[in-house]
Amino acid sequence: MSQLPLGTSGSGTGPGRDAARAAKVHVQGLVGGDPRVNGIGLTHAGQAWAVKVNVVDEQDYPELPEDVDGVPVVVRGVGRISAFGVSAG
């Protein structure tokens, strides 16, 4: 009987939430201070968990691995984000 990697769901659907949380910390260390990055969170990629990196422009973002420890990294261009009622001046 083989052991599953930490954080997998056991259902054959890919990385679980615990693995994605650990991968998110790693991604934050790689690009968390980059001004092109708006935020880093978790999402689903199919039935597996993934790290989601929101960027200002999906044509100009920091270099990222396709996955971290088997957890997919998904990049989405969401535009510039600012607080409600506050202009980004």
PDB file of N, CA and C in Angstrom:
ATOM      1  N   MET A   1       0.852  -1.194   0.000  1.00  0.00           N
ATOM      2  CA  MET A   1       0.000   0.000   0.000  1.00  0.00           C
ATOM      3  C   MET A   1       0.887   1.243   0.000  1.00  0.00           C
ATOM      4  N   SER A   2       0.644   2.150  -0.930  1.00  0.00           N
ATOM      5  CA  SER A   2       1.447   3.366  -1.002  1.00  0.00           C
ATOM      6  C   SER A   2       0.834   4.453  -0.139  1.00  0.00           C
ATOM      7  N   GLN A   3       1.717   5.307   0.355  1.00  0.00           N
ATOM      8  CA  GLN A   3       1.239   6.429   1.158  1.00  0.00           C
ATOM      9  C   GLN A   3       0.955   7.615   0.260  1.00  0.00           C
ATOM     10  N   LEU A   4      -0.037   8.385   0.623  1.00  0.00           N
ATOM     11  CA  LEU A   4      -0.370   9.598  -0.121  1.00  0.00           C
ATOM     12  C   LEU A   4       0.485  10.752   0.381  1.00  0.00           C
ATOM     13  N   PRO A   5       0.885  11.675  -0.501  1.00  0.00           N
ATOM     14  CA  PRO A   5       1.594  12.869  -0.049  1.00  0.00           C
ATOM     15  C   PRO A   5       0.724  13.679   0.903  1.00  0.00           C
ATOM     16  N   LEU A   6       1.361  14.412   1.782  1.00  0.00           N
ATOM     17  CA  LEU A   6       0.657  15.250   2.750  1.00  0.00           C
ATOM     18  C   LEU A   6      -0.353  16.150   2.053  1.00  0.00           C
ATOM     19  N   GLY A   7      -1.573  16.170   2.534  1.00  0.00           N
ATOM     20  CA  GLY A   7      -2.579  17.100   2.032  1.00  0.00           C
ATOM     21  C   GLY A   7      -3.399  16.575   0.877  1.00  0.00           C
ATOM     22  N   THR A   8      -3.153  15.343   0.406  1.00  0.00           N
ATOM     23  CA  THR A   8      -3.992  14.847  -0.672  1.00  0.00           C
ATOM     24  C   THR A   8      -5.299  14.352  -0.107  1.00  0.00           C
ATOM     25  N   SER A   9      -6.283  14.330  -0.958  1.00  0.00           N
ATOM     26  CA  SER A   9      -7.611  13.972  -0.485  1.00  0.00           C
ATOM     27  C   SER A   9      -7.804  12.471  -0.382  1.00  0.00           C
ATOM     28  N   GLY A  10      -6.968  11.688  -1.080  1.00  0.00           N
ATOM     29  CA  GLY A  10      -7.138  10.257  -1.054  1.00  0.00           C
ATOM     30  C   GLY A  10      -8.117   9.759  -2.084  1.00  0.00           C
ATOM     31  N   SER A  11      -8.760  10.644  -2.826  1.00  0.00           N
ATOM     32  CA  SER A  11      -9.756  10.232  -3.811  1.00  0.00           C
ATOM     33  C   SER A  11      -9.205  10.241  -5.230  1.00  0.00           C
ATOM     34  N   GLY A  12      -7.904  10.513  -5.365  1.00  0.00           N
ATOM     35  CA  GLY A  12      -7.311  10.545  -6.687  1.00  0.00           C
ATOM     36  C   GLY A  12      -7.605  11.820  -7.454  1.00  0.00           C
ATOM     37  N   THR A  13      -8.032  12.865  -6.782  1.00  0.00           N
ATOM     38  CA  THR A  13      -8.415  14.094  -7.455  1.00  0.00           C
ATOM     39  C   THR A  13      -7.321  15.154  -7.406  1.00  0.00           C
ATOM     40  N   GLY A  14      -6.162  14.856  -6.856  1.00  0.00           N
ATOM     41  CA  GLY A  14      -5.071  15.818  -6.832  1.00  0.00           C
ATOM     42  C   GLY A  14      -4.807  16.363  -5.450  1.00  0.00           C
ATOM     43  N   PRO A  15      -3.968  17.405  -5.395  1.00  0.00           N
ATOM     44  CA  PRO A  15      -3.555  17.964  -4.109  1.00  0.00           C
ATOM     45  C   PRO A  15      -4.740  18.447  -3.273  1.00  0.00           C
ATOM     46  N   GLY A  16      -4.631  18.240  -1.984  1.00  0.00           N
ATOM     47  CA  GLY A  16      -5.657  18.691  -1.053  1.00  0.00           C
ATOM     48  C   GLY A  16      -5.376  20.086  -0.531  1.00  0.00           C
ATOM     49  N   ARG A  17      -6.247  20.542   0.324  1.00  0.00           N
ATOM     50  CA  ARG A  17      -6.161  21.907   0.858  1.00  0.00           C
ATOM     51  C   ARG A  17      -4.897  22.133   1.681  1.00  0.00           C
ATOM     52  N   ASP A  18      -4.479  21.151   2.487  1.00  0.00           N
ATOM     53  CA  ASP A  18      -3.276  21.327   3.299  1.00  0.00           C
ATOM     54  C   ASP A  18      -2.039  21.504   2.427  1.00  0.00           C
ATOM     55  N   ALA A  19      -1.934  20.707   1.365  1.00  0.00           N
ATOM     56  CA  ALA A  19      -0.806  20.841   0.444  1.00  0.00           C
ATOM     57  C   ALA A  19      -0.844  22.198  -0.245  1.00  0.00           C
ATOM     58  N   ALA A  20      -2.036  22.651  -0.622  1.00  0.00           N
ATOM     59  CA  ALA A  20      -2.176  23.950  -1.284  1.00  0.00           C
ATOM     60  C   ALA A  20      -1.800  25.086  -0.343  1.00  0.00           C
ATOM     61  N   ARG A  21      -2.155  24.972   0.914  1.00  0.00           N
ATOM     62  CA  ARG A  21      -1.781  26.010   1.891  1.00  0.00           C
ATOM     63  C   ARG A  21      -0.265  26.106   2.020  1.00  0.00           C
ATOM     64  N   ALA A  22       0.407  24.964   2.070  1.00  0.00           N
ATOM     65  CA  ALA A  22       1.870  24.962   2.167  1.00  0.00           C
ATOM     66  C   ALA A  22       2.486  25.549   0.899  1.00  0.00           C
ATOM     67  N   ALA A  23       1.940  25.207  -0.259  1.00  0.00           N
ATOM     68  CA  ALA A  23       2.444  25.741  -1.526  1.00  0.00           C
ATOM     69  C   ALA A  23       2.222  27.248  -1.600  1.00  0.00           C
ATOM     70  N   LYS A  24       1.105  27.723  -1.049  1.00  0.00           N
ATOM     71  CA  LYS A  24       0.813  29.164  -1.054  1.00  0.00           C
ATOM     72  C   LYS A  24       1.888  29.936  -0.298  1.00  0.00           C
ATOM     73  N   VAL A  25       2.325  29.409   0.831  1.00  0.00           N
ATOM     74  CA  VAL A  25       3.385  30.061   1.607  1.00  0.00           C
ATOM     75  C   VAL A  25       4.650  30.158   0.762  1.00  0.00           C
ATOM     76  N   HIS A  26       4.962  29.102   0.037  1.00  0.00           N
ATOM     77  CA  HIS A  26       6.139  29.096  -0.827  1.00  0.00           C
ATOM     78  C   HIS A  26       6.007  30.158  -1.930  1.00  0.00           C
ATOM     79  N   VAL A  27       4.849  30.224  -2.572  1.00  0.00           N
ATOM     80  CA  VAL A  27       4.618  31.205  -3.637  1.00  0.00           C
ATOM     81  C   VAL A  27       4.689  32.626  -3.079  1.00  0.00           C
ATOM     82  N   GLN A  28       4.167  32.846  -1.871  1.00  0.00           N
ATOM     83  CA  GLN A  28       4.245  34.172  -1.259  1.00  0.00           C
ATOM     84  C   GLN A  28       5.695  34.597  -1.084  1.00  0.00           C
ATOM     85  N   GLY A  29       6.549  33.645  -0.734  1.00  0.00           N
ATOM     86  CA  GLY A  29       7.968  33.952  -0.605  1.00  0.00           C
ATOM     87  C   GLY A  29       8.622  34.298  -1.931  1.00  0.00           C
ATOM     88  N   LEU A  30       8.132  33.713  -3.009  1.00  0.00           N
ATOM     89  CA  LEU A  30       8.697  33.969  -4.334  1.00  0.00           C
ATOM     90  C   LEU A  30       8.281  35.322  -4.901  1.00  0.00           C
ATOM     91  N   VAL A  31       6.992  35.665  -4.806  1.00  0.00           N
ATOM     92  CA  VAL A  31       6.483  36.850  -5.520  1.00  0.00           C
ATOM     93  C   VAL A  31       5.605  37.764  -4.667  1.00  0.00           C
ATOM     94  N   GLY A  32       5.529  37.530  -3.374  1.00  0.00           N
ATOM     95  CA  GLY A  32       4.640  38.313  -2.521  1.00  0.00           C
ATOM     96  C   GLY A  32       4.917  39.802  -2.512  1.00  0.00           C
ATOM     97  N   GLY A  33       6.161  40.206  -2.728  1.00  0.00           N
ATOM     98  CA  GLY A  33       6.504  41.628  -2.717  1.00  0.00           C
ATOM     99  C   GLY A  33       6.516  42.277  -4.083  1.00  0.00           C
ATOM    100  N   ASP A  34       6.183  41.540  -5.118  1.00  0.00           N
ATOM    101  CA  ASP A  34       6.207  42.065  -6.482  1.00  0.00           C
ATOM    102  C   ASP A  34       5.002  42.980  -6.695  1.00  0.00           C
ATOM    103  N   PRO A  35       5.216  44.222  -7.157  1.00  0.00           N
ATOM    104  CA  PRO A  35       4.086  45.151  -7.337  1.00  0.00           C
ATOM    105  C   PRO A  35       3.093  44.723  -8.416  1.00  0.00           C
ATOM    106  N   ARG A  36       3.464  43.772  -9.253  1.00  0.00           N
ATOM    107  CA  ARG A  36       2.546  43.279 -10.287  1.00  0.00           C
ATOM    108  C   ARG A  36       1.545  42.270  -9.727  1.00  0.00           C
ATOM    109  N   VAL A  37       1.765  41.854  -8.482  1.00  0.00           N
ATOM    110  CA  VAL A  37       0.907  40.857  -7.842  1.00  0.00           C
ATOM    111  C   VAL A  37      -0.065  41.559  -6.903  1.00  0.00           C
ATOM    112  N   ASN A  38      -1.367  41.299  -7.108  1.00  0.00           N
ATOM    113  CA  ASN A  38      -2.402  41.881  -6.244  1.00  0.00           C
ATOM    114  C   ASN A  38      -2.698  41.019  -5.031  1.00  0.00           C
ATOM    115  N   GLY A  39      -2.595  39.726  -5.183  1.00  0.00           N
ATOM    116  CA  GLY A  39      -2.936  38.841  -4.081  1.00  0.00           C
ATOM    117  C   GLY A  39      -2.630  37.396  -4.422  1.00  0.00           C
ATOM    118  N   ILE A  40      -2.523  36.590  -3.373  1.00  0.00           N
ATOM    119  CA  ILE A  40      -2.239  35.168  -3.518  1.00  0.00           C
ATOM    120  C   ILE A  40      -3.222  34.422  -2.633  1.00  0.00           C
ATOM    121  N   GLY A  41      -3.903  33.455  -3.211  1.00  0.00           N
ATOM    122  CA  GLY A  41      -4.904  32.708  -2.457  1.00  0.00           C
ATOM    123  C   GLY A  41      -5.003  31.283  -2.942  1.00  0.00           C
ATOM    124  N   LEU A  42      -6.089  30.621  -2.592  1.00  0.00           N
ATOM    125  CA  LEU A  42      -6.342  29.251  -2.997  1.00  0.00           C
ATOM    126  C   LEU A  42      -7.589  29.197  -3.867  1.00  0.00           C
ATOM    127  N   THR A  43      -7.617  28.255  -4.782  1.00  0.00           N
ATOM    128  CA  THR A  43      -8.749  28.054  -5.674  1.00  0.00           C
ATOM    129  C   THR A  43      -8.807  26.580  -6.038  1.00  0.00           C
ATOM    130  N   HIS A  44      -9.789  26.219  -6.808  1.00  0.00           N
ATOM    131  CA  HIS A  44      -9.864  24.852  -7.337  1.00  0.00           C
ATOM    132  C   HIS A  44      -9.419  24.854  -8.793  1.00  0.00           C
ATOM    133  N   ALA A  45      -8.649  23.840  -9.167  1.00  0.00           N
ATOM    134  CA  ALA A  45      -8.284  23.596 -10.564  1.00  0.00           C
ATOM    135  C   ALA A  45      -8.844  22.220 -10.873  1.00  0.00           C
ATOM    136  N   GLY A  46     -10.016  22.189 -11.473  1.00  0.00           N
ATOM    137  CA  GLY A  46     -10.730  20.921 -11.600  1.00  0.00           C
ATOM    138  C   GLY A  46     -11.223  20.532 -10.214  1.00  0.00           C
ATOM    139  N   GLN A  47     -10.872  19.332  -9.791  1.00  0.00           N
ATOM    140  CA  GLN A  47     -11.265  18.891  -8.447  1.00  0.00           C
ATOM    141  C   GLN A  47     -10.138  19.020  -7.432  1.00  0.00           C
ATOM    142  N   ALA A  48      -8.981  19.500  -7.869  1.00  0.00           N
ATOM    143  CA  ALA A  48      -7.832  19.661  -6.979  1.00  0.00           C
ATOM    144  C   ALA A  48      -7.736  21.106  -6.496  1.00  0.00           C
ATOM    145  N   TRP A  49      -7.048  21.294  -5.388  1.00  0.00           N
ATOM    146  CA  TRP A  49      -6.745  22.635  -4.905  1.00  0.00           C
ATOM    147  C   TRP A  49      -5.551  23.180  -5.665  1.00  0.00           C
ATOM    148  N   ALA A  50      -5.492  24.500  -5.819  1.00  0.00           N
ATOM    149  CA  ALA A  50      -4.394  25.168  -6.501  1.00  0.00           C
ATOM    150  C   ALA A  50      -4.108  26.492  -5.807  1.00  0.00           C
ATOM    151  N   VAL A  51      -2.915  27.034  -6.047  1.00  0.00           N
ATOM    152  CA  VAL A  51      -2.569  28.375  -5.587  1.00  0.00           C
ATOM    153  C   VAL A  51      -2.953  29.334  -6.705  1.00  0.00           C
ATOM    154  N   LYS A  52      -3.693  30.387  -6.361  1.00  0.00           N
ATOM    155  CA  LYS A  52      -4.110  31.387  -7.343  1.00  0.00           C
ATOM    156  C   LYS A  52      -3.345  32.679  -7.084  1.00  0.00           C
ATOM    157  N   VAL A  53      -2.706  33.186  -8.128  1.00  0.00           N
ATOM    158  CA  VAL A  53      -1.965  34.437  -8.046  1.00  0.00           C
ATOM    159  C   VAL A  53      -2.697  35.462  -8.902  1.00  0.00           C
ATOM    160  N   ASN A  54      -3.243  36.490  -8.274  1.00  0.00           N
ATOM    161  CA  ASN A  54      -3.918  37.577  -8.983  1.00  0.00           C
ATOM    162  C   ASN A  54      -2.878  38.632  -9.343  1.00  0.00           C
ATOM    163  N   VAL A  55      -2.853  39.011 -10.621  1.00  0.00           N
ATOM    164  CA  VAL A  55      -1.889  39.997 -11.100  1.00  0.00           C
ATOM    165  C   VAL A  55      -2.614  41.148 -11.778  1.00  0.00           C
ATOM    166  N   VAL A  56      -1.926  42.288 -11.866  1.00  0.00           N
ATOM    167  CA  VAL A  56      -2.498  43.469 -12.500  1.00  0.00           C
ATOM    168  C   VAL A  56      -2.732  43.208 -13.982  1.00  0.00           C
ATOM    169  N   ASP A  57      -1.751  42.624 -14.652  1.00  0.00           N
ATOM    170  CA  ASP A  57      -1.818  42.416 -16.098  1.00  0.00           C
ATOM    171  C   ASP A  57      -1.333  41.005 -16.408  1.00  0.00           C
ATOM    172  N   GLU A  58      -2.193  40.179 -16.995  1.00  0.00           N
ATOM    173  CA  GLU A  58      -1.787  38.793 -17.239  1.00  0.00           C
ATOM    174  C   GLU A  58      -0.750  38.665 -18.360  1.00  0.00           C
ATOM    175  N   GLN A  59      -0.415  39.774 -19.013  1.00  0.00           N
ATOM    176  CA  GLN A  59       0.668  39.767 -19.999  1.00  0.00           C
ATOM    177  C   GLN A  59       2.011  40.133 -19.371  1.00  0.00           C
ATOM    178  N   ASP A  60       2.001  40.649 -18.145  1.00  0.00           N
ATOM    179  CA  ASP A  60       3.224  41.078 -17.462  1.00  0.00           C
ATOM    180  C   ASP A  60       3.140  40.663 -15.998  1.00  0.00           C
ATOM    181  N   TYR A  61       3.696  39.496 -15.716  1.00  0.00           N
ATOM    182  CA  TYR A  61       3.688  39.010 -14.332  1.00  0.00           C
ATOM    183  C   TYR A  61       4.998  38.310 -14.035  1.00  0.00           C
ATOM    184  N   PRO A  62       5.327  38.164 -12.759  1.00  0.00           N
ATOM    185  CA  PRO A  62       6.598  37.537 -12.406  1.00  0.00           C
ATOM    186  C   PRO A  62       6.646  36.073 -12.824  1.00  0.00           C
ATOM    187  N   GLU A  63       7.852  35.596 -13.039  1.00  0.00           N
ATOM    188  CA  GLU A  63       8.030  34.198 -13.394  1.00  0.00           C
ATOM    189  C   GLU A  63       7.595  33.318 -12.229  1.00  0.00           C
ATOM    190  N   LEU A  64       6.775  32.327 -12.539  1.00  0.00           N
ATOM    191  CA  LEU A  64       6.255  31.413 -11.529  1.00  0.00           C
ATOM    192  C   LEU A  64       6.374  29.981 -12.034  1.00  0.00           C
ATOM    193  N   PRO A  65       6.559  29.042 -11.119  1.00  0.00           N
ATOM    194  CA  PRO A  65       6.538  27.643 -11.543  1.00  0.00           C
ATOM    195  C   PRO A  65       5.114  27.230 -11.892  1.00  0.00           C
ATOM    196  N   GLU A  66       4.972  26.184 -12.719  1.00  0.00           N
ATOM    197  CA  GLU A  66       3.640  25.674 -13.058  1.00  0.00           C
ATOM    198  C   GLU A  66       2.992  24.994 -11.863  1.00  0.00           C
ATOM    199  N   ASP A  67       3.830  24.453 -10.984  1.00  0.00           N
ATOM    200  CA  ASP A  67       3.317  23.855  -9.760  1.00  0.00           C
ATOM    201  C   ASP A  67       4.391  23.933  -8.685  1.00  0.00           C
ATOM    202  N   VAL A  68       3.957  23.835  -7.447  1.00  0.00           N
ATOM    203  CA  VAL A  68       4.846  23.803  -6.285  1.00  0.00           C
ATOM    204  C   VAL A  68       4.502  22.544  -5.504  1.00  0.00           C
ATOM    205  N   ASP A  69       5.447  21.637  -5.436  1.00  0.00           N
ATOM    206  CA  ASP A  69       5.238  20.359  -4.729  1.00  0.00           C
ATOM    207  C   ASP A  69       3.969  19.656  -5.194  1.00  0.00           C
ATOM    208  N   GLY A  70       3.724  19.702  -6.503  1.00  0.00           N
ATOM    209  CA  GLY A  70       2.570  19.023  -7.075  1.00  0.00           C
ATOM    210  C   GLY A  70       1.276  19.813  -7.040  1.00  0.00           C
ATOM    211  N   VAL A  71       1.305  21.006  -6.464  1.00  0.00           N
ATOM    212  CA  VAL A  71       0.113  21.861  -6.400  1.00  0.00           C
ATOM    213  C   VAL A  71       0.162  22.840  -7.573  1.00  0.00           C
ATOM    214  N   PRO A  72      -0.853  22.858  -8.433  1.00  0.00           N
ATOM    215  CA  PRO A  72      -0.847  23.787  -9.578  1.00  0.00           C
ATOM    216  C   PRO A  72      -0.828  25.245  -9.127  1.00  0.00           C
ATOM    217  N   VAL A  73      -0.167  26.094  -9.921  1.00  0.00           N
ATOM    218  CA  VAL A  73      -0.160  27.542  -9.704  1.00  0.00           C
ATOM    219  C   VAL A  73      -0.917  28.167 -10.867  1.00  0.00           C
ATOM    220  N   VAL A  74      -1.996  28.898 -10.561  1.00  0.00           N
ATOM    221  CA  VAL A  74      -2.868  29.512 -11.553  1.00  0.00           C
ATOM    222  C   VAL A  74      -2.704  31.026 -11.472  1.00  0.00           C
ATOM    223  N   VAL A  75      -2.481  31.670 -12.613  1.00  0.00           N
ATOM    224  CA  VAL A  75      -2.320  33.126 -12.666  1.00  0.00           C
ATOM    225  C   VAL A  75      -3.537  33.726 -13.355  1.00  0.00           C
ATOM    226  N   ARG A  76      -4.101  34.776 -12.755  1.00  0.00           N
ATOM    227  CA  ARG A  76      -5.259  35.460 -13.333  1.00  0.00           C
ATOM    228  C   ARG A  76      -5.018  36.968 -13.322  1.00  0.00           C
ATOM    229  N   GLY A  77      -5.223  37.599 -14.472  1.00  0.00           N
ATOM    230  CA  GLY A  77      -5.155  39.050 -14.553  1.00  0.00           C
ATOM    231  C   GLY A  77      -6.462  39.642 -14.060  1.00  0.00           C
ATOM    232  N   VAL A  78      -6.402  40.485 -13.050  1.00  0.00           N
ATOM    233  CA  VAL A  78      -7.613  41.054 -12.456  1.00  0.00           C
ATOM    234  C   VAL A  78      -7.615  42.577 -12.474  1.00  0.00           C
ATOM    235  N   GLY A  79      -6.562  43.185 -13.029  1.00  0.00           N
ATOM    236  CA  GLY A  79      -6.477  44.642 -13.041  1.00  0.00           C
ATOM    237  C   GLY A  79      -5.965  45.178 -11.717  1.00  0.00           C
ATOM    238  N   ARG A  80      -5.883  46.491 -11.647  1.00  0.00           N
ATOM    239  CA  ARG A  80      -5.401  47.136 -10.436  1.00  0.00           C
ATOM    240  C   ARG A  80      -6.524  47.135  -9.400  1.00  0.00           C
ATOM    241  N   ILE A  81      -6.193  46.841  -8.179  1.00  0.00           N
ATOM    242  CA  ILE A  81      -7.174  46.775  -7.097  1.00  0.00           C
ATOM    243  C   ILE A  81      -6.924  47.927  -6.132  1.00  0.00           C
ATOM    244  N   SER A  82      -7.988  48.589  -5.713  1.00  0.00           N
ATOM    245  CA  SER A  82      -7.878  49.646  -4.710  1.00  0.00           C
ATOM    246  C   SER A  82      -9.072  49.551  -3.774  1.00  0.00           C
ATOM    247  N   ALA A  83      -8.927  50.198  -2.647  1.00  0.00           N
ATOM    248  CA  ALA A  83     -10.010  50.211  -1.670  1.00  0.00           C
ATOM    249  C   ALA A  83     -11.210  50.970  -2.250  1.00  0.00           C
ATOM    250  N   PHE A  84     -12.403  50.542  -1.894  1.00  0.00           N
ATOM    251  CA  PHE A  84     -13.618  51.186  -2.368  1.00  0.00           C
ATOM    252  C   PHE A  84     -13.606  52.660  -1.998  1.00  0.00           C
ATOM    253  N   GLY A  85     -13.858  53.503  -2.979  1.00  0.00           N
ATOM    254  CA  GLY A  85     -13.923  54.941  -2.729  1.00  0.00           C
ATOM    255  C   GLY A  85     -12.592  55.627  -2.676  1.00  0.00           C
ATOM    256  N   VAL A  86     -11.502  54.893  -2.897  1.00  0.00           N
ATOM    257  CA  VAL A  86     -10.170  55.471  -2.877  1.00  0.00           C
ATOM    258  C   VAL A  86      -9.557  55.269  -4.249  1.00  0.00           C
ATOM    259  N   SER A  87      -9.143  56.356  -4.884  1.00  0.00           N
ATOM    260  CA  SER A  87      -8.519  56.215  -6.205  1.00  0.00           C
ATOM    261  C   SER A  87      -7.067  55.844  -6.050  1.00  0.00           C
ATOM    262  N   ALA A  88      -6.576  55.041  -6.989  1.00  0.00           N
ATOM    263  CA  ALA A  88      -5.161  54.649  -6.991  1.00  0.00           C
ATOM    264  C   ALA A  88      -4.370  55.743  -7.687  1.00  0.00           C
ATOM    265  N   GLY A  89      -3.971  56.735  -6.963  1.00  0.00           N
ATOM    266  CA  GLY A  89      -3.349  57.885  -7.562  1.00  0.00           C
ATOM    267  C   GLY A  89      -1.928  57.872  -7.529  1.00  0.00           C
TER     268      GLY A  89
END
